[in-house]
Amino acid sequence: MIAISPADNLRERLDDPEVAASLNDLLDHADLLAILVGGLDEMIRRGDEIGASLVSAVDELKANPGAIPGIESLRSVDLQGLAKSLAALSGALVDATPALSALLTSRLTDPEAVDVLAQLGQALVDGKAAAMADPGGPKGIFGLWRVSKDKDIVRGLGFMIQVARAFGRRLAQE
């Protein structure tokens, strides 16, 4: 029996069109990824120094409250808690790096997808306001039948059906 070498395994994976497409996306964004990884690495390596500088700056501002209007409100800031939160956040950011990389190379950053997400956000806000104004909604099957004649509802349902169809195709590929 012949053992598969790591190089053979790599060649086999590179033959997969999805892997090749993903690598091409990564290469297309390599400059951005390098900047992000470098910045994250530097921030994490200097996390203690950044936290100490932040604490020092807040202490200086607290010592001279008249320097900036409204600075008195910082007296209630829990500096140790803030430093711990910053340390936890930087650790979480490191753990989230693969997910962030996947998001940056996904279609979610495509301007078209961003536009659709922005429209969805506005529709959610508008829909919540409308639902609060009419908390009962359509009554019974005939109420649903009446609203199904609304061109906006038909257009929205049509969009959702097409999204469900495309999502189903993607699920079948996995």
N, C-alpha and C. Protein backbone atom coordinates (compact mmCIF):
# COMPACT_ATOMS: atom_id res chain seq x y z
N MET A 1 0.84 -1.18 0.00
CA MET A 1 0.00 0.00 0.00
C MET A 1 0.88 1.24 0.00
N ILE A 2 0.60 2.19 -0.88
CA ILE A 2 1.40 3.40 -1.02
C ILE A 2 0.77 4.49 -0.16
N ALA A 3 1.60 5.10 0.67
CA ALA A 3 1.12 6.18 1.53
C ALA A 3 1.05 7.47 0.71
N ILE A 4 0.00 8.24 0.96
CA ILE A 4 -0.16 9.52 0.27
C ILE A 4 0.69 10.55 0.99
N SER A 5 1.55 11.21 0.22
CA SER A 5 2.42 12.22 0.83
C SER A 5 1.64 13.52 1.03
N PRO A 6 2.13 14.38 1.91
CA PRO A 6 1.46 15.67 2.09
C PRO A 6 1.40 16.47 0.79
N ALA A 7 2.41 16.35 -0.04
CA ALA A 7 2.41 17.07 -1.31
C ALA A 7 1.31 16.54 -2.23
N ASP A 8 1.11 15.21 -2.25
CA ASP A 8 0.04 14.64 -3.05
C ASP A 8 -1.32 15.10 -2.54
N ASN A 9 -1.46 15.14 -1.24
CA ASN A 9 -2.71 15.60 -0.62
C ASN A 9 -2.99 17.06 -1.01
N LEU A 10 -1.94 17.88 -1.01
CA LEU A 10 -2.08 19.29 -1.38
C LEU A 10 -2.48 19.42 -2.85
N ARG A 11 -1.83 18.66 -3.74
CA ARG A 11 -2.17 18.71 -5.16
C ARG A 11 -3.63 18.31 -5.38
N GLU A 12 -4.08 17.30 -4.65
CA GLU A 12 -5.46 16.84 -4.78
C GLU A 12 -6.43 17.94 -4.34
N ARG A 13 -6.10 18.62 -3.27
CA ARG A 13 -6.98 19.70 -2.80
C ARG A 13 -6.97 20.88 -3.76
N LEU A 14 -5.83 21.17 -4.38
CA LEU A 14 -5.75 22.28 -5.33
C LEU A 14 -6.56 21.99 -6.59
N ASP A 15 -6.79 20.72 -6.89
CA ASP A 15 -7.61 20.35 -8.05
C ASP A 15 -9.08 20.63 -7.81
N ASP A 16 -9.49 20.78 -6.56
CA ASP A 16 -10.89 21.10 -6.23
C ASP A 16 -11.16 22.54 -6.66
N PRO A 17 -12.14 22.78 -7.55
CA PRO A 17 -12.41 24.14 -8.05
C PRO A 17 -12.77 25.13 -6.93
N GLU A 18 -13.48 24.66 -5.90
CA GLU A 18 -13.84 25.57 -4.80
C GLU A 18 -12.61 26.00 -4.01
N VAL A 19 -11.69 25.06 -3.78
CA VAL A 19 -10.45 25.39 -3.07
C VAL A 19 -9.64 26.37 -3.91
N ALA A 20 -9.53 26.09 -5.20
CA ALA A 20 -8.78 26.99 -6.09
C ALA A 20 -9.40 28.38 -6.12
N ALA A 21 -10.74 28.44 -6.17
CA ALA A 21 -11.42 29.74 -6.18
C ALA A 21 -11.19 30.47 -4.87
N SER A 22 -11.25 29.75 -3.76
CA SER A 22 -11.01 30.37 -2.46
C SER A 22 -9.59 30.90 -2.36
N LEU A 23 -8.63 30.12 -2.83
CA LEU A 23 -7.23 30.58 -2.81
C LEU A 23 -7.04 31.80 -3.71
N ASN A 24 -7.73 31.83 -4.85
CA ASN A 24 -7.65 33.00 -5.72
C ASN A 24 -8.22 34.23 -5.02
N ASP A 25 -9.34 34.06 -4.31
CA ASP A 25 -9.90 35.18 -3.54
C ASP A 25 -8.91 35.67 -2.49
N LEU A 26 -8.29 34.72 -1.78
CA LEU A 26 -7.30 35.11 -0.77
C LEU A 26 -6.13 35.85 -1.42
N LEU A 27 -5.67 35.36 -2.55
CA LEU A 27 -4.56 36.02 -3.24
C LEU A 27 -4.97 37.41 -3.73
N ASP A 28 -6.23 37.55 -4.18
CA ASP A 28 -6.71 38.86 -4.62
C ASP A 28 -6.71 39.86 -3.46
N HIS A 29 -6.90 39.36 -2.24
CA HIS A 29 -6.96 40.23 -1.06
C HIS A 29 -5.74 40.06 -0.16
N ALA A 30 -4.67 39.52 -0.70
CA ALA A 30 -3.48 39.24 0.12
C ALA A 30 -2.93 40.50 0.78
N ASP A 31 -2.95 41.63 0.06
CA ASP A 31 -2.43 42.86 0.65
C ASP A 31 -3.26 43.28 1.85
N LEU A 32 -4.57 43.19 1.74
CA LEU A 32 -5.44 43.54 2.85
C LEU A 32 -5.27 42.57 4.01
N LEU A 33 -5.19 41.27 3.70
CA LEU A 33 -5.01 40.28 4.76
C LEU A 33 -3.68 40.48 5.47
N ALA A 34 -2.63 40.81 4.72
CA ALA A 34 -1.33 41.04 5.34
C ALA A 34 -1.38 42.24 6.28
N ILE A 35 -2.07 43.29 5.87
CA ILE A 35 -2.20 44.47 6.73
C ILE A 35 -2.99 44.11 7.99
N LEU A 36 -4.10 43.38 7.81
CA LEU A 36 -4.93 42.99 8.96
C LEU A 36 -4.17 42.09 9.92
N VAL A 37 -3.51 41.09 9.39
CA VAL A 37 -2.77 40.17 10.25
C VAL A 37 -1.63 40.90 10.94
N GLY A 38 -0.91 41.73 10.22
CA GLY A 38 0.17 42.51 10.84
C GLY A 38 -0.35 43.43 11.93
N GLY A 39 -1.46 44.11 11.66
CA GLY A 39 -2.04 45.00 12.65
C GLY A 39 -2.53 44.25 13.88
N LEU A 40 -3.19 43.12 13.66
CA LEU A 40 -3.66 42.31 14.79
C LEU A 40 -2.49 41.79 15.61
N ASP A 41 -1.47 41.31 14.93
CA ASP A 41 -0.29 40.79 15.62
C ASP A 41 0.35 41.89 16.47
N GLU A 42 0.51 43.06 15.89
CA GLU A 42 1.13 44.17 16.62
C GLU A 42 0.26 44.59 17.80
N MET A 43 -1.06 44.64 17.57
CA MET A 43 -1.96 45.04 18.66
C MET A 43 -1.91 44.04 19.81
N ILE A 44 -1.87 42.76 19.49
CA ILE A 44 -1.84 41.74 20.53
C ILE A 44 -0.51 41.75 21.26
N ARG A 45 0.59 41.90 20.52
CA ARG A 45 1.89 41.94 21.17
C ARG A 45 2.03 43.15 22.06
N ARG A 46 1.37 44.23 21.69
CA ARG A 46 1.48 45.46 22.46
C ARG A 46 0.25 45.70 23.34
N GLY A 47 -0.59 44.68 23.52
CA GLY A 47 -1.83 44.81 24.28
C GLY A 47 -1.63 45.37 25.67
N ASP A 48 -0.62 44.84 26.39
CA ASP A 48 -0.35 45.34 27.74
C ASP A 48 0.09 46.79 27.71
N GLU A 49 0.93 47.11 26.74
CA GLU A 49 1.43 48.49 26.61
C GLU A 49 0.29 49.44 26.25
N ILE A 50 -0.58 49.02 25.35
CA ILE A 50 -1.73 49.84 24.96
C ILE A 50 -2.65 50.04 26.14
N GLY A 51 -2.93 48.96 26.88
CA GLY A 51 -3.78 49.06 28.07
C GLY A 51 -3.19 49.99 29.11
N ALA A 52 -1.86 49.88 29.34
CA ALA A 52 -1.20 50.74 30.31
C ALA A 52 -1.25 52.20 29.86
N SER A 53 -1.05 52.44 28.57
CA SER A 53 -1.12 53.82 28.05
C SER A 53 -2.52 54.40 28.22
N LEU A 54 -3.51 53.57 27.96
CA LEU A 54 -4.89 54.02 28.11
C LEU A 54 -5.18 54.37 29.57
N VAL A 55 -4.76 53.51 30.48
CA VAL A 55 -4.96 53.77 31.91
C VAL A 55 -4.22 55.04 32.31
N SER A 56 -3.01 55.20 31.83
CA SER A 56 -2.22 56.40 32.16
C SER A 56 -2.90 57.66 31.63
N ALA A 57 -3.40 57.60 30.40
CA ALA A 57 -4.06 58.77 29.83
C ALA A 57 -5.31 59.13 30.62
N VAL A 58 -6.09 58.13 30.99
CA VAL A 58 -7.30 58.40 31.77
C VAL A 58 -6.93 58.95 33.13
N ASP A 59 -5.86 58.42 33.76
CA ASP A 59 -5.41 58.95 35.06
C ASP A 59 -4.99 60.41 34.95
N GLU A 60 -4.29 60.75 33.87
CA GLU A 60 -3.88 62.15 33.67
C GLU A 60 -5.08 63.05 33.49
N LEU A 61 -6.06 62.58 32.74
CA LEU A 61 -7.26 63.38 32.54
C LEU A 61 -8.05 63.53 33.84
N LYS A 62 -8.05 62.48 34.65
CA LYS A 62 -8.74 62.56 35.94
C LYS A 62 -8.04 63.55 36.86
N ALA A 63 -6.71 63.61 36.80
CA ALA A 63 -5.93 64.51 37.66
C ALA A 63 -6.16 65.97 37.28
N ASN A 64 -6.45 66.24 36.02
CA ASN A 64 -6.68 67.60 35.56
C ASN A 64 -8.05 67.67 34.90
N PRO A 65 -9.12 67.63 35.70
CA PRO A 65 -10.46 67.54 35.13
C PRO A 65 -10.89 68.76 34.32
N GLY A 66 -10.28 69.89 34.51
CA GLY A 66 -10.68 71.07 33.76
C GLY A 66 -10.11 71.11 32.35
N ALA A 67 -9.20 70.20 32.02
CA ALA A 67 -8.55 70.22 30.70
C ALA A 67 -9.53 69.99 29.57
N ILE A 68 -10.49 69.12 29.79
CA ILE A 68 -11.47 68.80 28.76
C ILE A 68 -12.85 68.90 29.38
N PRO A 69 -13.75 69.68 28.77
CA PRO A 69 -15.10 69.77 29.33
C PRO A 69 -15.77 68.40 29.37
N GLY A 70 -16.44 68.10 30.46
CA GLY A 70 -17.16 66.84 30.62
C GLY A 70 -16.30 65.70 31.08
N ILE A 71 -15.02 65.94 31.36
CA ILE A 71 -14.11 64.87 31.76
C ILE A 71 -14.45 64.30 33.14
N GLU A 72 -15.23 65.06 33.91
CA GLU A 72 -15.59 64.62 35.26
C GLU A 72 -16.29 63.26 35.22
N SER A 73 -16.98 62.97 34.12
CA SER A 73 -17.72 61.71 34.02
C SER A 73 -16.78 60.50 34.02
N LEU A 74 -15.48 60.70 33.74
CA LEU A 74 -14.52 59.59 33.74
C LEU A 74 -14.18 59.11 35.14
N ARG A 75 -14.52 59.87 36.15
CA ARG A 75 -14.20 59.47 37.52
C ARG A 75 -14.88 58.14 37.87
N SER A 76 -15.99 57.85 37.23
CA SER A 76 -16.71 56.62 37.54
C SER A 76 -16.25 55.43 36.69
N VAL A 77 -15.27 55.62 35.82
CA VAL A 77 -14.79 54.54 34.95
C VAL A 77 -13.97 53.55 35.75
N ASP A 78 -14.30 52.28 35.63
CA ASP A 78 -13.55 51.20 36.28
C ASP A 78 -12.36 50.85 35.38
N LEU A 79 -11.19 51.39 35.69
CA LEU A 79 -10.02 51.22 34.83
C LEU A 79 -9.54 49.77 34.78
N GLN A 80 -9.57 49.08 35.93
CA GLN A 80 -9.15 47.68 35.92
C GLN A 80 -10.12 46.85 35.05
N GLY A 81 -11.41 47.12 35.21
CA GLY A 81 -12.40 46.42 34.40
C GLY A 81 -12.20 46.71 32.92
N LEU A 82 -11.89 47.98 32.61
CA LEU A 82 -11.65 48.37 31.22
C LEU A 82 -10.43 47.64 30.67
N ALA A 83 -9.36 47.55 31.45
CA ALA A 83 -8.14 46.86 31.01
C ALA A 83 -8.42 45.38 30.80
N LYS A 84 -9.19 44.76 31.71
CA LYS A 84 -9.53 43.34 31.57
C LYS A 84 -10.38 43.13 30.31
N SER A 85 -11.32 44.03 30.08
CA SER A 85 -12.17 43.92 28.89
C SER A 85 -11.34 44.02 27.63
N LEU A 86 -10.38 44.95 27.63
CA LEU A 86 -9.50 45.11 26.46
C LEU A 86 -8.67 43.85 26.23
N ALA A 87 -8.16 43.26 27.31
CA ALA A 87 -7.38 42.02 27.16
C ALA A 87 -8.26 40.89 26.64
N ALA A 88 -9.47 40.77 27.17
CA ALA A 88 -10.38 39.71 26.72
C ALA A 88 -10.78 39.94 25.26
N LEU A 89 -11.01 41.20 24.90
CA LEU A 89 -11.39 41.51 23.53
C LEU A 89 -10.27 41.17 22.56
N SER A 90 -9.03 41.48 22.92
CA SER A 90 -7.93 41.17 22.01
C SER A 90 -7.77 39.66 21.85
N GLY A 91 -7.99 38.89 22.94
CA GLY A 91 -7.93 37.44 22.84
C GLY A 91 -9.05 36.91 21.96
N ALA A 92 -10.24 37.47 22.13
CA ALA A 92 -11.38 37.04 21.32
C ALA A 92 -11.14 37.38 19.85
N LEU A 93 -10.47 38.51 19.60
CA LEU A 93 -10.18 38.91 18.23
C LEU A 93 -9.23 37.91 17.57
N VAL A 94 -8.27 37.41 18.34
CA VAL A 94 -7.35 36.40 17.80
C VAL A 94 -8.13 35.14 17.47
N ASP A 95 -9.02 34.72 18.39
CA ASP A 95 -9.81 33.51 18.15
C ASP A 95 -10.73 33.68 16.94
N ALA A 96 -11.20 34.91 16.71
CA ALA A 96 -12.15 35.16 15.63
C ALA A 96 -11.47 35.39 14.29
N THR A 97 -10.15 35.42 14.25
CA THR A 97 -9.44 35.73 13.01
C THR A 97 -9.83 34.82 11.84
N PRO A 98 -9.94 33.50 12.04
CA PRO A 98 -10.37 32.67 10.89
C PRO A 98 -11.76 33.05 10.38
N ALA A 99 -12.68 33.33 11.31
CA ALA A 99 -14.03 33.72 10.90
C ALA A 99 -14.01 35.07 10.19
N LEU A 100 -13.21 36.01 10.71
CA LEU A 100 -13.11 37.32 10.06
C LEU A 100 -12.51 37.18 8.66
N SER A 101 -11.54 36.31 8.53
CA SER A 101 -10.93 36.08 7.23
C SER A 101 -11.96 35.49 6.26
N ALA A 102 -12.76 34.56 6.75
CA ALA A 102 -13.81 33.97 5.90
C ALA A 102 -14.81 35.03 5.48
N LEU A 103 -15.18 35.92 6.41
CA LEU A 103 -16.12 36.99 6.06
C LEU A 103 -15.53 37.95 5.04
N LEU A 104 -14.25 38.29 5.22
CA LEU A 104 -13.62 39.25 4.30
C LEU A 104 -13.47 38.68 2.90
N THR A 105 -13.38 37.36 2.79
CA THR A 105 -13.22 36.76 1.46
C THR A 105 -14.55 36.26 0.92
N SER A 106 -15.64 36.45 1.67
CA SER A 106 -16.94 35.99 1.22
C SER A 106 -17.63 37.08 0.39
N ARG A 107 -18.79 36.73 -0.13
CA ARG A 107 -19.57 37.68 -0.92
C ARG A 107 -20.25 38.72 -0.02
N LEU A 108 -20.18 38.56 1.31
CA LEU A 108 -20.79 39.55 2.19
C LEU A 108 -20.14 40.92 2.04
N THR A 109 -18.89 40.96 1.60
CA THR A 109 -18.22 42.24 1.41
C THR A 109 -18.44 42.79 0.00
N ASP A 110 -19.12 42.03 -0.84
CA ASP A 110 -19.47 42.48 -2.17
C ASP A 110 -20.43 43.68 -2.04
N PRO A 111 -20.20 44.76 -2.79
CA PRO A 111 -21.08 45.93 -2.67
C PRO A 111 -22.56 45.61 -2.88
N GLU A 112 -22.87 44.65 -3.75
CA GLU A 112 -24.26 44.27 -3.96
C GLU A 112 -24.85 43.65 -2.70
N ALA A 113 -24.08 42.76 -2.06
CA ALA A 113 -24.56 42.12 -0.83
C ALA A 113 -24.72 43.15 0.28
N VAL A 114 -23.79 44.08 0.36
CA VAL A 114 -23.88 45.13 1.38
C VAL A 114 -25.14 45.96 1.16
N ASP A 115 -25.44 46.26 -0.10
CA ASP A 115 -26.64 47.03 -0.41
C ASP A 115 -27.91 46.26 0.00
N VAL A 116 -27.94 44.95 -0.29
CA VAL A 116 -29.09 44.13 0.08
C VAL A 116 -29.22 44.08 1.61
N LEU A 117 -28.10 43.92 2.31
CA LEU A 117 -28.14 43.89 3.78
C LEU A 117 -28.62 45.24 4.34
N ALA A 118 -28.21 46.33 3.72
CA ALA A 118 -28.67 47.65 4.18
C ALA A 118 -30.18 47.79 3.96
N GLN A 119 -30.66 47.32 2.82
CA GLN A 119 -32.10 47.35 2.56
C GLN A 119 -32.85 46.47 3.55
N LEU A 120 -32.29 45.31 3.86
CA LEU A 120 -32.91 44.41 4.83
C LEU A 120 -32.97 45.07 6.20
N GLY A 121 -31.90 45.75 6.59
CA GLY A 121 -31.89 46.44 7.88
C GLY A 121 -32.98 47.50 7.95
N GLN A 122 -33.13 48.27 6.90
CA GLN A 122 -34.18 49.29 6.88
C GLN A 122 -35.56 48.65 6.91
N ALA A 123 -35.73 47.55 6.16
CA ALA A 123 -37.01 46.84 6.15
C ALA A 123 -37.34 46.28 7.53
N LEU A 124 -36.33 45.79 8.26
CA LEU A 124 -36.57 45.29 9.61
C LEU A 124 -37.06 46.40 10.53
N VAL A 125 -36.42 47.57 10.44
CA VAL A 125 -36.84 48.71 11.27
C VAL A 125 -38.24 49.17 10.90
N ASP A 126 -38.50 49.31 9.59
CA ASP A 126 -39.83 49.72 9.13
C ASP A 126 -40.88 48.68 9.51
N GLY A 127 -40.54 47.40 9.35
CA GLY A 127 -41.47 46.33 9.68
C GLY A 127 -41.80 46.29 11.16
N LYS A 128 -40.80 46.54 12.00
CA LYS A 128 -41.06 46.56 13.44
C LYS A 128 -42.01 47.69 13.79
N ALA A 129 -41.79 48.87 13.21
CA ALA A 129 -42.67 50.01 13.48
C ALA A 129 -44.10 49.70 13.01
N ALA A 130 -44.25 49.10 11.84
CA ALA A 130 -45.57 48.76 11.33
C ALA A 130 -46.24 47.70 12.20
N ALA A 131 -45.47 46.73 12.67
CA ALA A 131 -46.03 45.68 13.53
C ALA A 131 -46.47 46.25 14.87
N MET A 132 -45.74 47.24 15.38
CA MET A 132 -46.13 47.87 16.64
C MET A 132 -47.40 48.71 16.45
N ALA A 133 -47.55 49.30 15.27
CA ALA A 133 -48.75 50.11 14.99
C ALA A 133 -49.97 49.22 14.79
N ASP A 134 -49.77 48.00 14.30
CA ASP A 134 -50.88 47.06 14.08
C ASP A 134 -50.47 45.71 14.67
N PRO A 135 -50.47 45.60 16.02
CA PRO A 135 -49.94 44.40 16.66
C PRO A 135 -50.71 43.12 16.36
N GLY A 136 -51.97 43.23 15.95
CA GLY A 136 -52.76 42.03 15.65
C GLY A 136 -52.43 41.42 14.31
N GLY A 137 -51.98 42.24 13.36
CA GLY A 137 -51.67 41.75 12.02
C GLY A 137 -52.92 41.23 11.32
N PRO A 138 -52.74 40.55 10.19
CA PRO A 138 -53.89 40.01 9.46
C PRO A 138 -54.63 38.97 10.32
N LYS A 139 -55.95 38.98 10.23
CA LYS A 139 -56.77 38.07 11.03
C LYS A 139 -57.22 36.88 10.17
N GLY A 140 -56.80 35.69 10.55
CA GLY A 140 -57.27 34.47 9.91
C GLY A 140 -56.76 34.28 8.50
N ILE A 141 -57.25 33.21 7.90
CA ILE A 141 -56.82 32.83 6.56
C ILE A 141 -57.25 33.85 5.52
N PHE A 142 -58.43 34.45 5.71
CA PHE A 142 -58.89 35.45 4.74
C PHE A 142 -58.06 36.74 4.85
N GLY A 143 -57.63 37.07 6.08
CA GLY A 143 -56.74 38.23 6.24
C GLY A 143 -55.42 38.01 5.52
N LEU A 144 -54.89 36.80 5.64
CA LEU A 144 -53.65 36.48 4.92
C LEU A 144 -53.87 36.50 3.41
N TRP A 145 -55.03 36.01 2.98
CA TRP A 145 -55.34 36.00 1.55
C TRP A 145 -55.44 37.42 1.02
N ARG A 146 -56.06 38.33 1.80
CA ARG A 146 -56.18 39.73 1.37
C ARG A 146 -54.80 40.39 1.24
N VAL A 147 -53.91 40.17 2.23
CA VAL A 147 -52.60 40.82 2.13
C VAL A 147 -51.73 40.20 1.05
N SER A 148 -52.06 38.98 0.63
CA SER A 148 -51.27 38.34 -0.44
C SER A 148 -51.49 39.04 -1.78
N LYS A 149 -52.47 39.93 -1.87
CA LYS A 149 -52.70 40.69 -3.09
C LYS A 149 -51.87 41.97 -3.13
N ASP A 150 -51.23 42.31 -2.01
CA ASP A 150 -50.39 43.51 -1.93
C ASP A 150 -49.12 43.27 -2.75
N LYS A 151 -48.85 44.18 -3.71
CA LYS A 151 -47.70 43.98 -4.61
C LYS A 151 -46.37 43.97 -3.85
N ASP A 152 -46.26 44.73 -2.75
CA ASP A 152 -45.02 44.72 -1.96
C ASP A 152 -44.81 43.37 -1.28
N ILE A 153 -45.90 42.80 -0.76
CA ILE A 153 -45.80 41.49 -0.12
C ILE A 153 -45.43 40.43 -1.15
N VAL A 154 -46.04 40.46 -2.31
CA VAL A 154 -45.73 39.50 -3.36
C VAL A 154 -44.27 39.63 -3.79
N ARG A 155 -43.80 40.88 -3.93
CA ARG A 155 -42.41 41.11 -4.32
C ARG A 155 -41.45 40.59 -3.23
N GLY A 156 -41.77 40.86 -1.96
CA GLY A 156 -40.93 40.40 -0.85
C GLY A 156 -40.90 38.88 -0.74
N LEU A 157 -42.07 38.25 -0.87
CA LEU A 157 -42.12 36.79 -0.83
C LEU A 157 -41.37 36.18 -2.01
N GLY A 158 -41.51 36.79 -3.18
CA GLY A 158 -40.77 36.31 -4.35
C GLY A 158 -39.27 36.36 -4.13
N PHE A 159 -38.80 37.44 -3.53
CA PHE A 159 -37.38 37.58 -3.22
C PHE A 159 -36.95 36.49 -2.23
N MET A 160 -37.75 36.28 -1.18
CA MET A 160 -37.42 35.27 -0.18
C MET A 160 -37.41 33.87 -0.78
N ILE A 161 -38.30 33.60 -1.71
CA ILE A 161 -38.33 32.30 -2.37
C ILE A 161 -37.07 32.09 -3.20
N GLN A 162 -36.65 33.14 -3.92
CA GLN A 162 -35.43 33.02 -4.73
C GLN A 162 -34.20 32.83 -3.85
N VAL A 163 -34.16 33.53 -2.70
CA VAL A 163 -33.05 33.35 -1.77
C VAL A 163 -33.06 31.92 -1.23
N ALA A 164 -34.23 31.40 -0.87
CA ALA A 164 -34.35 30.03 -0.37
C ALA A 164 -33.89 29.04 -1.44
N ARG A 165 -34.24 29.29 -2.69
CA ARG A 165 -33.83 28.41 -3.79
C ARG A 165 -32.30 28.41 -3.95
N ALA A 166 -31.71 29.59 -3.96
CA ALA A 166 -30.25 29.70 -4.10
C ALA A 166 -29.54 29.06 -2.90
N PHE A 167 -30.09 29.28 -1.71
CA PHE A 167 -29.50 28.69 -0.50
C PHE A 167 -29.59 27.17 -0.56
N GLY A 168 -30.71 26.66 -1.00
CA GLY A 168 -30.88 25.22 -1.15
C GLY A 168 -29.88 24.62 -2.12
N ARG A 169 -29.62 25.31 -3.21
CA ARG A 169 -28.60 24.84 -4.17
C ARG A 169 -27.24 24.78 -3.50
N ARG A 170 -26.90 25.79 -2.71
CA ARG A 170 -25.62 25.83 -2.01
C ARG A 170 -25.52 24.68 -1.01
N LEU A 171 -26.62 24.39 -0.31
CA LEU A 171 -26.61 23.31 0.66
C LEU A 171 -26.40 21.96 -0.03
N ALA A 172 -26.94 21.81 -1.21
CA ALA A 172 -26.78 20.56 -1.96
C ALA A 172 -25.32 20.35 -2.38
N GLN A 173 -24.56 21.44 -2.53
CA GLN A 173 -23.16 21.33 -2.96
C GLN A 173 -22.24 20.88 -1.84
N GLU A 174 -22.68 21.04 -0.61
CA GLU A 174 -21.79 20.70 0.52
C GLU A 174 -21.79 19.24 0.82
